[in-house]
mmCIF file of all heavy atoms, coordinates in Angstrom:
data_MODEL
# 
_entry.id   MODEL 
# 
loop_
_atom_site.group_PDB 
_atom_site.id 
_atom_site.type_symbol 
_atom_site.label_atom_id 
_atom_site.label_alt_id 
_atom_site.label_comp_id 
_atom_site.label_asym_id 
_atom_site.label_entity_id 
_atom_site.label_seq_id 
_atom_site.pdbx_PDB_ins_code 
_atom_site.Cartn_x 
_atom_site.Cartn_y 
_atom_site.Cartn_z 
_atom_site.occupancy 
_atom_site.B_iso_or_equiv 
_atom_site.pdbx_formal_charge 
_atom_site.auth_seq_id 
_atom_site.auth_comp_id 
_atom_site.auth_asym_id 
_atom_site.auth_atom_id 
_atom_site.pdbx_PDB_model_num 
ATOM 1   N N   . ARG A 1 1  ? 0.820  -1.222  0.000   1.00 0.00 ? 1  ARG A N   1 
ATOM 2   C CA  . ARG A 1 1  ? 0.000  0.000   0.000   1.00 0.00 ? 1  ARG A CA  1 
ATOM 3   C C   . ARG A 1 1  ? 0.846  1.261   0.000   1.00 0.00 ? 1  ARG A C   1 
ATOM 4   O O   . ARG A 1 1  ? 0.381  2.324   -0.385  1.00 0.00 ? 1  ARG A O   1 
ATOM 5   C CB  . ARG A 1 1  ? -0.966 -0.004  1.175   1.00 0.00 ? 1  ARG A CB  1 
ATOM 6   C CG  . ARG A 1 1  ? -1.972 -1.122  1.064   1.00 0.00 ? 1  ARG A CG  1 
ATOM 7   C CD  . ARG A 1 1  ? -3.073 -1.023  2.092   1.00 0.00 ? 1  ARG A CD  1 
ATOM 8   N NE  . ARG A 1 1  ? -3.941 -2.187  2.049   1.00 0.00 ? 1  ARG A NE  1 
ATOM 9   C CZ  . ARG A 1 1  ? -4.846 -2.438  1.116   1.00 0.00 ? 1  ARG A CZ  1 
ATOM 10  N NH1 . ARG A 1 1  ? -4.999 -1.597  0.134   1.00 0.00 ? 1  ARG A NH1 1 
ATOM 11  N NH2 . ARG A 1 1  ? -5.579 -3.528  1.159   1.00 0.00 ? 1  ARG A NH2 1 
ATOM 12  N N   . SER A 1 2  ? 2.118  1.139   0.417   1.00 0.00 ? 2  SER A N   1 
ATOM 13  C CA  . SER A 1 2  ? 3.012  2.303   0.358   1.00 0.00 ? 2  SER A CA  1 
ATOM 14  C C   . SER A 1 2  ? 4.166  2.072   -0.605  1.00 0.00 ? 2  SER A C   1 
ATOM 15  O O   . SER A 1 2  ? 4.562  2.970   -1.330  1.00 0.00 ? 2  SER A O   1 
ATOM 16  C CB  . SER A 1 2  ? 3.536  2.658   1.756   1.00 0.00 ? 2  SER A CB  1 
ATOM 17  O OG  . SER A 1 2  ? 4.147  1.540   2.349   1.00 0.00 ? 2  SER A OG  1 
ATOM 18  N N   . GLY A 1 3  ? 4.730  0.856   -0.638  1.00 0.00 ? 3  GLY A N   1 
ATOM 19  C CA  . GLY A 1 3  ? 5.820  0.552   -1.562  1.00 0.00 ? 3  GLY A CA  1 
ATOM 20  C C   . GLY A 1 3  ? 7.090  1.317   -1.233  1.00 0.00 ? 3  GLY A C   1 
ATOM 21  O O   . GLY A 1 3  ? 7.288  1.770   -0.100  1.00 0.00 ? 3  GLY A O   1 
ATOM 22  N N   . PRO A 1 4  ? 7.969  1.495   -2.235  1.00 0.00 ? 4  PRO A N   1 
ATOM 23  C CA  . PRO A 1 4  ? 9.216  2.216   -1.992  1.00 0.00 ? 4  PRO A CA  1 
ATOM 24  C C   . PRO A 1 4  ? 8.945  3.713   -1.810  1.00 0.00 ? 4  PRO A C   1 
ATOM 25  O O   . PRO A 1 4  ? 7.865  4.210   -2.152  1.00 0.00 ? 4  PRO A O   1 
ATOM 26  C CB  . PRO A 1 4  ? 10.037 1.946   -3.256  1.00 0.00 ? 4  PRO A CB  1 
ATOM 27  C CG  . PRO A 1 4  ? 9.021  1.701   -4.310  1.00 0.00 ? 4  PRO A CG  1 
ATOM 28  C CD  . PRO A 1 4  ? 7.872  1.020   -3.611  1.00 0.00 ? 4  PRO A CD  1 
ATOM 29  N N   . ARG A 1 5  ? 9.936  4.414   -1.310  1.00 0.00 ? 5  ARG A N   1 
ATOM 30  C CA  . ARG A 1 5  ? 9.781  5.823   -0.941  1.00 0.00 ? 5  ARG A CA  1 
ATOM 31  C C   . ARG A 1 5  ? 9.228  6.705   -2.067  1.00 0.00 ? 5  ARG A C   1 
ATOM 32  O O   . ARG A 1 5  ? 8.376  7.551   -1.828  1.00 0.00 ? 5  ARG A O   1 
ATOM 33  C CB  . ARG A 1 5  ? 11.126 6.374   -0.479  1.00 0.00 ? 5  ARG A CB  1 
ATOM 34  C CG  . ARG A 1 5  ? 11.043 7.802   0.004   1.00 0.00 ? 5  ARG A CG  1 
ATOM 35  C CD  . ARG A 1 5  ? 12.337 8.249   0.573   1.00 0.00 ? 5  ARG A CD  1 
ATOM 36  N NE  . ARG A 1 5  ? 12.580 7.451   1.792   1.00 0.00 ? 5  ARG A NE  1 
ATOM 37  C CZ  . ARG A 1 5  ? 13.635 7.569   2.548   1.00 0.00 ? 5  ARG A CZ  1 
ATOM 38  N NH1 . ARG A 1 5  ? 14.571 8.414   2.247   1.00 0.00 ? 5  ARG A NH1 1 
ATOM 39  N NH2 . ARG A 1 5  ? 13.779 6.830   3.622   1.00 0.00 ? 5  ARG A NH2 1 
ATOM 40  N N   . ALA A 1 6  ? 9.692  6.526   -3.302  1.00 0.00 ? 6  ALA A N   1 
ATOM 41  C CA  . ALA A 1 6  ? 9.287  7.399   -4.413  1.00 0.00 ? 6  ALA A CA  1 
ATOM 42  C C   . ALA A 1 6  ? 7.910  7.053   -4.987  1.00 0.00 ? 6  ALA A C   1 
ATOM 43  O O   . ALA A 1 6  ? 7.362  7.825   -5.767  1.00 0.00 ? 6  ALA A O   1 
ATOM 44  C CB  . ALA A 1 6  ? 10.333 7.353   -5.519  1.00 0.00 ? 6  ALA A CB  1 
ATOM 45  N N   . ALA A 1 7  ? 7.337  5.930   -4.597  1.00 0.00 ? 7  ALA A N   1 
ATOM 46  C CA  . ALA A 1 7  ? 6.041  5.508   -5.141  1.00 0.00 ? 7  ALA A CA  1 
ATOM 47  C C   . ALA A 1 7  ? 4.896  6.285   -4.499  1.00 0.00 ? 7  ALA A C   1 
ATOM 48  O O   . ALA A 1 7  ? 5.005  6.790   -3.385  1.00 0.00 ? 7  ALA A O   1 
ATOM 49  C CB  . ALA A 1 7  ? 5.841  4.017   -4.917  1.00 0.00 ? 7  ALA A CB  1 
ATOM 50  N N   . ARG A 1 8  ? 3.796  6.365   -5.244  1.00 0.00 ? 8  ARG A N   1 
ATOM 51  C CA  . ARG A 1 8  ? 2.546  6.897   -4.714  1.00 0.00 ? 8  ARG A CA  1 
ATOM 52  C C   . ARG A 1 8  ? 1.452  5.916   -5.136  1.00 0.00 ? 8  ARG A C   1 
ATOM 53  O O   . ARG A 1 8  ? 1.038  5.901   -6.293  1.00 0.00 ? 8  ARG A O   1 
ATOM 54  C CB  . ARG A 1 8  ? 2.253  8.295   -5.258  1.00 0.00 ? 8  ARG A CB  1 
ATOM 55  C CG  . ARG A 1 8  ? 1.043  8.941   -4.600  1.00 0.00 ? 8  ARG A CG  1 
ATOM 56  C CD  . ARG A 1 8  ? 0.699  10.291  -5.190  1.00 0.00 ? 8  ARG A CD  1 
ATOM 57  N NE  . ARG A 1 8  ? 0.151  10.118  -6.534  1.00 0.00 ? 8  ARG A NE  1 
ATOM 58  C CZ  . ARG A 1 8  ? 0.701  10.586  -7.650  1.00 0.00 ? 8  ARG A CZ  1 
ATOM 59  N NH1 . ARG A 1 8  ? 1.807  11.274  -7.603  1.00 0.00 ? 8  ARG A NH1 1 
ATOM 60  N NH2 . ARG A 1 8  ? 0.139  10.377  -8.831  1.00 0.00 ? 8  ARG A NH2 1 
ATOM 61  N N   . VAL A 1 9  ? 1.024  5.089   -4.219  1.00 0.00 ? 9  VAL A N   1 
ATOM 62  C CA  . VAL A 1 9  ? 0.029  4.065   -4.513  1.00 0.00 ? 9  VAL A CA  1 
ATOM 63  C C   . VAL A 1 9  ? -1.359 4.673   -4.372  1.00 0.00 ? 9  VAL A C   1 
ATOM 64  O O   . VAL A 1 9  ? -1.716 5.196   -3.325  1.00 0.00 ? 9  VAL A O   1 
ATOM 65  C CB  . VAL A 1 9  ? 0.190  2.851   -3.571  1.00 0.00 ? 9  VAL A CB  1 
ATOM 66  C CG1 . VAL A 1 9  ? -0.916 1.828   -3.813  1.00 0.00 ? 9  VAL A CG1 1 
ATOM 67  C CG2 . VAL A 1 9  ? 1.564  2.217   -3.742  1.00 0.00 ? 9  VAL A CG2 1 
ATOM 68  N N   . ASN A 1 10 ? -2.127 4.609   -5.476  1.00 0.00 ? 10 ASN A N   1 
ATOM 69  C CA  . ASN A 1 10 ? -3.508 5.104   -5.456  1.00 0.00 ? 10 ASN A CA  1 
ATOM 70  C C   . ASN A 1 10 ? -4.499 3.992   -5.155  1.00 0.00 ? 10 ASN A C   1 
ATOM 71  O O   . ASN A 1 10 ? -5.581 4.256   -4.651  1.00 0.00 ? 10 ASN A O   1 
ATOM 72  C CB  . ASN A 1 10 ? -3.876 5.746   -6.794  1.00 0.00 ? 10 ASN A CB  1 
ATOM 73  C CG  . ASN A 1 10 ? -3.116 7.031   -7.033  1.00 0.00 ? 10 ASN A CG  1 
ATOM 74  O OD1 . ASN A 1 10 ? -2.590 7.647   -6.115  1.00 0.00 ? 10 ASN A OD1 1 
ATOM 75  N ND2 . ASN A 1 10 ? -3.053 7.425   -8.287  1.00 0.00 ? 10 ASN A ND2 1 
ATOM 76  N N   . GLY A 1 11 ? -4.132 2.771   -5.509  1.00 0.00 ? 11 GLY A N   1 
ATOM 77  C CA  . GLY A 1 11 ? -5.045 1.660   -5.275  1.00 0.00 ? 11 GLY A CA  1 
ATOM 78  C C   . GLY A 1 11 ? -4.342 0.331   -5.360  1.00 0.00 ? 11 GLY A C   1 
ATOM 79  O O   . GLY A 1 11 ? -3.312 0.199   -6.014  1.00 0.00 ? 11 GLY A O   1 
ATOM 80  N N   . ILE A 1 12 ? -4.893 -0.641  -4.673  1.00 0.00 ? 12 ILE A N   1 
ATOM 81  C CA  . ILE A 1 12 ? -4.385 -2.005  -4.737  1.00 0.00 ? 12 ILE A CA  1 
ATOM 82  C C   . ILE A 1 12 ? -5.597 -2.928  -4.761  1.00 0.00 ? 12 ILE A C   1 
ATOM 83  O O   . ILE A 1 12 ? -6.488 -2.808  -3.929  1.00 0.00 ? 12 ILE A O   1 
ATOM 84  C CB  . ILE A 1 12 ? -3.431 -2.325  -3.564  1.00 0.00 ? 12 ILE A CB  1 
ATOM 85  C CG1 . ILE A 1 12 ? -2.926 -3.753  -3.664  1.00 0.00 ? 12 ILE A CG1 1 
ATOM 86  C CG2 . ILE A 1 12 ? -4.050 -2.056  -2.241  1.00 0.00 ? 12 ILE A CG2 1 
ATOM 87  C CD1 . ILE A 1 12 ? -1.798 -4.085  -2.705  1.00 0.00 ? 12 ILE A CD1 1 
ATOM 88  N N   . GLU A 1 13 ? -5.626 -3.783  -5.767  1.00 0.00 ? 13 GLU A N   1 
ATOM 89  C CA  . GLU A 1 13 ? -6.697 -4.764  -5.891  1.00 0.00 ? 13 GLU A CA  1 
ATOM 90  C C   . GLU A 1 13 ? -6.063 -6.140  -5.840  1.00 0.00 ? 13 GLU A C   1 
ATOM 91  O O   . GLU A 1 13 ? -5.018 -6.362  -6.454  1.00 0.00 ? 13 GLU A O   1 
ATOM 92  C CB  . GLU A 1 13 ? -7.431 -4.592  -7.211  1.00 0.00 ? 13 GLU A CB  1 
ATOM 93  C CG  . GLU A 1 13 ? -8.149 -3.269  -7.340  1.00 0.00 ? 13 GLU A CG  1 
ATOM 94  C CD  . GLU A 1 13 ? -8.848 -3.118  -8.679  1.00 0.00 ? 13 GLU A CD  1 
ATOM 95  O OE1 . GLU A 1 13 ? -9.051 -4.136  -9.379  1.00 0.00 ? 13 GLU A OE1 1 
ATOM 96  O OE2 . GLU A 1 13 ? -9.187 -1.976  -9.019  1.00 0.00 ? 13 GLU A OE2 1 
ATOM 97  N N   . TYR A 1 14 ? -6.675 -7.049  -5.104  1.00 0.00 ? 14 TYR A N   1 
ATOM 98  C CA  . TYR A 1 14 ? -6.151 -8.411  -5.065  1.00 0.00 ? 14 TYR A CA  1 
ATOM 99  C C   . TYR A 1 14 ? -7.278 -9.395  -4.840  1.00 0.00 ? 14 TYR A C   1 
ATOM 100 O O   . TYR A 1 14 ? -8.331 -9.042  -4.311  1.00 0.00 ? 14 TYR A O   1 
ATOM 101 C CB  . TYR A 1 14 ? -5.063 -8.569  -4.007  1.00 0.00 ? 14 TYR A CB  1 
ATOM 102 C CG  . TYR A 1 14 ? -5.527 -8.370  -2.589  1.00 0.00 ? 14 TYR A CG  1 
ATOM 103 C CD1 . TYR A 1 14 ? -5.970 -9.443  -1.835  1.00 0.00 ? 14 TYR A CD1 1 
ATOM 104 C CD2 . TYR A 1 14 ? -5.515 -7.107  -2.008  1.00 0.00 ? 14 TYR A CD2 1 
ATOM 105 C CE1 . TYR A 1 14 ? -6.393 -9.268  -0.532  1.00 0.00 ? 14 TYR A CE1 1 
ATOM 106 C CE2 . TYR A 1 14 ? -5.933 -6.927  -0.707  1.00 0.00 ? 14 TYR A CE2 1 
ATOM 107 C CZ  . TYR A 1 14 ? -6.373 -8.005  0.027   1.00 0.00 ? 14 TYR A CZ  1 
ATOM 108 O OH  . TYR A 1 14 ? -6.799 -7.835  1.312   1.00 0.00 ? 14 TYR A OH  1 
ATOM 109 N N   . ALA A 1 15 ? -7.037 -10.597 -5.318  1.00 0.00 ? 15 ALA A N   1 
ATOM 110 C CA  . ALA A 1 15 ? -7.998 -11.682 -5.144  1.00 0.00 ? 15 ALA A CA  1 
ATOM 111 C C   . ALA A 1 15 ? -7.226 -12.978 -4.985  1.00 0.00 ? 15 ALA A C   1 
ATOM 112 O O   . ALA A 1 15 ? -6.190 -13.169 -5.629  1.00 0.00 ? 15 ALA A O   1 
ATOM 113 C CB  . ALA A 1 15 ? -8.923 -11.776 -6.349  1.00 0.00 ? 15 ALA A CB  1 
ATOM 114 N N   . GLU A 1 16 ? -7.731 -13.852 -4.134  1.00 0.00 ? 16 GLU A N   1 
ATOM 115 C CA  . GLU A 1 16 ? -7.112 -15.168 -4.004  1.00 0.00 ? 16 GLU A CA  1 
ATOM 116 C C   . GLU A 1 16 ? -7.343 -15.946 -5.290  1.00 0.00 ? 16 GLU A C   1 
ATOM 117 O O   . GLU A 1 16 ? -8.353 -15.752 -5.972  1.00 0.00 ? 16 GLU A O   1 
ATOM 118 C CB  . GLU A 1 16 ? -7.685 -15.925 -2.815  1.00 0.00 ? 16 GLU A CB  1 
ATOM 119 C CG  . GLU A 1 16 ? -7.192 -15.369 -1.494  1.00 0.00 ? 16 GLU A CG  1 
ATOM 120 C CD  . GLU A 1 16 ? -7.479 -16.280 -0.327  1.00 0.00 ? 16 GLU A CD  1 
ATOM 121 O OE1 . GLU A 1 16 ? -7.324 -17.513 -0.466  1.00 0.00 ? 16 GLU A OE1 1 
ATOM 122 O OE2 . GLU A 1 16 ? -7.852 -15.754 0.725   1.00 0.00 ? 16 GLU A OE2 1 
ATOM 123 N N   . THR A 1 17 ? -6.393 -16.786 -5.639  1.00 0.00 ? 17 THR A N   1 
ATOM 124 C CA  . THR A 1 17 ? -6.462 -17.576 -6.861  1.00 0.00 ? 17 THR A CA  1 
ATOM 125 C C   . THR A 1 17 ? -5.906 -18.967 -6.587  1.00 0.00 ? 17 THR A C   1 
ATOM 126 O O   . THR A 1 17 ? -5.236 -19.178 -5.573  1.00 0.00 ? 17 THR A O   1 
ATOM 127 C CB  . THR A 1 17 ? -5.683 -16.885 -8.005  1.00 0.00 ? 17 THR A CB  1 
ATOM 128 O OG1 . THR A 1 17 ? -5.818 -17.655 -9.200  1.00 0.00 ? 17 THR A OG1 1 
ATOM 129 C CG2 . THR A 1 17 ? -4.225 -16.714 -7.667  1.00 0.00 ? 17 THR A CG2 1 
ATOM 130 N N   . VAL A 1 18 ? -6.157 -19.877 -7.497  1.00 0.00 ? 18 VAL A N   1 
ATOM 131 C CA  . VAL A 1 18 ? -5.625 -21.232 -7.353  1.00 0.00 ? 18 VAL A CA  1 
ATOM 132 C C   . VAL A 1 18 ? -4.397 -21.436 -8.230  1.00 0.00 ? 18 VAL A C   1 
ATOM 133 O O   . VAL A 1 18 ? -3.790 -22.498 -8.208  1.00 0.00 ? 18 VAL A O   1 
ATOM 134 C CB  . VAL A 1 18 ? -6.688 -22.310 -7.692  1.00 0.00 ? 18 VAL A CB  1 
ATOM 135 C CG1 . VAL A 1 18 ? -7.808 -22.269 -6.682  1.00 0.00 ? 18 VAL A CG1 1 
ATOM 136 C CG2 . VAL A 1 18 ? -7.200 -22.142 -9.108  1.00 0.00 ? 18 VAL A CG2 1 
ATOM 137 N N   . GLU A 1 19 ? -4.016 -20.412 -9.010  1.00 0.00 ? 19 GLU A N   1 
ATOM 138 C CA  . GLU A 1 19 ? -2.823 -20.530 -9.857  1.00 0.00 ? 19 GLU A CA  1 
ATOM 139 C C   . GLU A 1 19 ? -1.606 -20.758 -8.978  1.00 0.00 ? 19 GLU A C   1 
ATOM 140 O O   . GLU A 1 19 ? -1.391 -20.051 -8.001  1.00 0.00 ? 19 GLU A O   1 
ATOM 141 C CB  . GLU A 1 19 ? -2.630 -19.264 -10.688 1.00 0.00 ? 19 GLU A CB  1 
ATOM 142 C CG  . GLU A 1 19 ? -1.468 -19.357 -11.652 1.00 0.00 ? 19 GLU A CG  1 
ATOM 143 C CD  . GLU A 1 19 ? -1.316 -18.126 -12.515 1.00 0.00 ? 19 GLU A CD  1 
ATOM 144 O OE1 . GLU A 1 19 ? -2.315 -17.448 -12.789 1.00 0.00 ? 19 GLU A OE1 1 
ATOM 145 O OE2 . GLU A 1 19 ? -0.174 -17.839 -12.902 1.00 0.00 ? 19 GLU A OE2 1 
ATOM 146 N N   . ALA A 1 20 ? -0.820 -21.766 -9.331  1.00 0.00 ? 20 ALA A N   1 
ATOM 147 C CA  . ALA A 1 20 ? 0.372  -22.095 -8.545  1.00 0.00 ? 20 ALA A CA  1 
ATOM 148 C C   . ALA A 1 20 ? 1.610  -21.448 -9.149  1.00 0.00 ? 20 ALA A C   1 
ATOM 149 O O   . ALA A 1 20 ? 1.662  -21.174 -10.341 1.00 0.00 ? 20 ALA A O   1 
ATOM 150 C CB  . ALA A 1 20 ? 0.561  -23.606 -8.491  1.00 0.00 ? 20 ALA A CB  1 
ATOM 151 N N   . THR A 1 21 ? 2.578  -21.173 -8.321  1.00 0.00 ? 21 THR A N   1 
ATOM 152 C CA  . THR A 1 21 ? 3.872  -20.650 -8.757  1.00 0.00 ? 21 THR A CA  1 
ATOM 153 C C   . THR A 1 21 ? 4.952  -21.600 -8.266  1.00 0.00 ? 21 THR A C   1 
ATOM 154 O O   . THR A 1 21 ? 4.756  -22.296 -7.272  1.00 0.00 ? 21 THR A O   1 
ATOM 155 C CB  . THR A 1 21 ? 4.127  -19.234 -8.193  1.00 0.00 ? 21 THR A CB  1 
ATOM 156 O OG1 . THR A 1 21 ? 4.150  -19.311 -6.772  1.00 0.00 ? 21 THR A OG1 1 
ATOM 157 C CG2 . THR A 1 21 ? 3.048  -18.255 -8.620  1.00 0.00 ? 21 THR A CG2 1 
ATOM 158 N N   . PRO A 1 22 ? 6.113  -21.642 -8.937  1.00 0.00 ? 22 PRO A N   1 
ATOM 159 C CA  . PRO A 1 22 ? 7.191  -22.523 -8.463  1.00 0.00 ? 22 PRO A CA  1 
ATOM 160 C C   . PRO A 1 22 ? 7.622  -22.158 -7.041  1.00 0.00 ? 22 PRO A C   1 
ATOM 161 O O   . PRO A 1 22 ? 7.884  -20.998 -6.753  1.00 0.00 ? 22 PRO A O   1 
ATOM 162 C CB  . PRO A 1 22 ? 8.324  -22.271 -9.463  1.00 0.00 ? 22 PRO A CB  1 
ATOM 163 C CG  . PRO A 1 22 ? 7.649  -21.721 -10.670 1.00 0.00 ? 22 PRO A CG  1 
ATOM 164 C CD  . PRO A 1 22 ? 6.458  -20.949 -10.157 1.00 0.00 ? 22 PRO A CD  1 
ATOM 165 N N   . ALA A 1 23 ? 7.648  -23.116 -6.172  1.00 0.00 ? 23 ALA A N   1 
ATOM 166 C CA  . ALA A 1 23 ? 7.997  -22.884 -4.769  1.00 0.00 ? 23 ALA A CA  1 
ATOM 167 C C   . ALA A 1 23 ? 9.400  -22.291 -4.649  1.00 0.00 ? 23 ALA A C   1 
ATOM 168 O O   . ALA A 1 23 ? 10.333 -22.716 -5.326  1.00 0.00 ? 23 ALA A O   1 
ATOM 169 C CB  . ALA A 1 23 ? 7.912  -24.181 -3.984  1.00 0.00 ? 23 ALA A CB  1 
ATOM 170 N N   . GLY A 1 24 ? 9.520  -21.295 -3.775  1.00 0.00 ? 24 GLY A N   1 
ATOM 171 C CA  . GLY A 1 24 ? 10.816 -20.713 -3.468  1.00 0.00 ? 24 GLY A CA  1 
ATOM 172 C C   . GLY A 1 24 ? 11.362 -19.745 -4.496  1.00 0.00 ? 24 GLY A C   1 
ATOM 173 O O   . GLY A 1 24 ? 12.464 -19.260 -4.348  1.00 0.00 ? 24 GLY A O   1 
ATOM 174 N N   . GLU A 1 25 ? 10.586 -19.450 -5.539  1.00 0.00 ? 25 GLU A N   1 
ATOM 175 C CA  . GLU A 1 25 ? 11.059 -18.521 -6.564  1.00 0.00 ? 25 GLU A CA  1 
ATOM 176 C C   . GLU A 1 25 ? 10.161 -17.294 -6.612  1.00 0.00 ? 25 GLU A C   1 
ATOM 177 O O   . GLU A 1 25 ? 8.941  -17.420 -6.593  1.00 0.00 ? 25 GLU A O   1 
ATOM 178 C CB  . GLU A 1 25 ? 11.015 -19.164 -7.953  1.00 0.00 ? 25 GLU A CB  1 
ATOM 179 C CG  . GLU A 1 25 ? 12.101 -20.153 -8.232  1.00 0.00 ? 25 GLU A CG  1 
ATOM 180 C CD  . GLU A 1 25 ? 12.030 -20.595 -9.686  1.00 0.00 ? 25 GLU A CD  1 
ATOM 181 O OE1 . GLU A 1 25 ? 12.175 -19.734 -10.575 1.00 0.00 ? 25 GLU A OE1 1 
ATOM 182 O OE2 . GLU A 1 25 ? 11.818 -21.791 -9.905  1.00 0.00 ? 25 GLU A OE2 1 
ATOM 183 N N   . PHE A 1 26 ? 10.762 -16.131 -6.690  1.00 0.00 ? 26 PHE A N   1 
ATOM 184 C CA  . PHE A 1 26 ? 10.006 -14.903 -6.952  1.00 0.00 ? 26 PHE A CA  1 
ATOM 185 C C   . PHE A 1 26 ? 10.746 -14.201 -8.061  1.00 0.00 ? 26 PHE A C   1 
ATOM 186 O O   . PHE A 1 26 ? 11.898 -13.822 -7.900  1.00 0.00 ? 26 PHE A O   1 
ATOM 187 C CB  . PHE A 1 26 ? 9.895  -14.016 -5.708  1.00 0.00 ? 26 PHE A CB  1 
ATOM 188 C CG  . PHE A 1 26 ? 8.753  -13.046 -5.837  1.00 0.00 ? 26 PHE A CG  1 
ATOM 189 C CD1 . PHE A 1 26 ? 7.494  -13.361 -5.392  1.00 0.00 ? 26 PHE A CD1 1 
ATOM 190 C CD2 . PHE A 1 26 ? 8.942  -11.820 -6.467  1.00 0.00 ? 26 PHE A CD2 1 
ATOM 191 C CE1 . PHE A 1 26 ? 6.429  -12.492 -5.541  1.00 0.00 ? 26 PHE A CE1 1 
ATOM 192 C CE2 . PHE A 1 26 ? 7.898  -10.944 -6.628  1.00 0.00 ? 26 PHE A CE2 1 
ATOM 193 C CZ  . PHE A 1 26 ? 6.629  -11.273 -6.154  1.00 0.00 ? 26 PHE A CZ  1 
# 
C-alpha cells in the first residue's frame, strides 16, 4: 500500500487464486 519511498500508490486490488507458482522462486 506504500511501496518504496518514491512511489505513490492510489489503489491495490487483489484476489485469491488457485494458480500455482514454483515454490521458493520470486
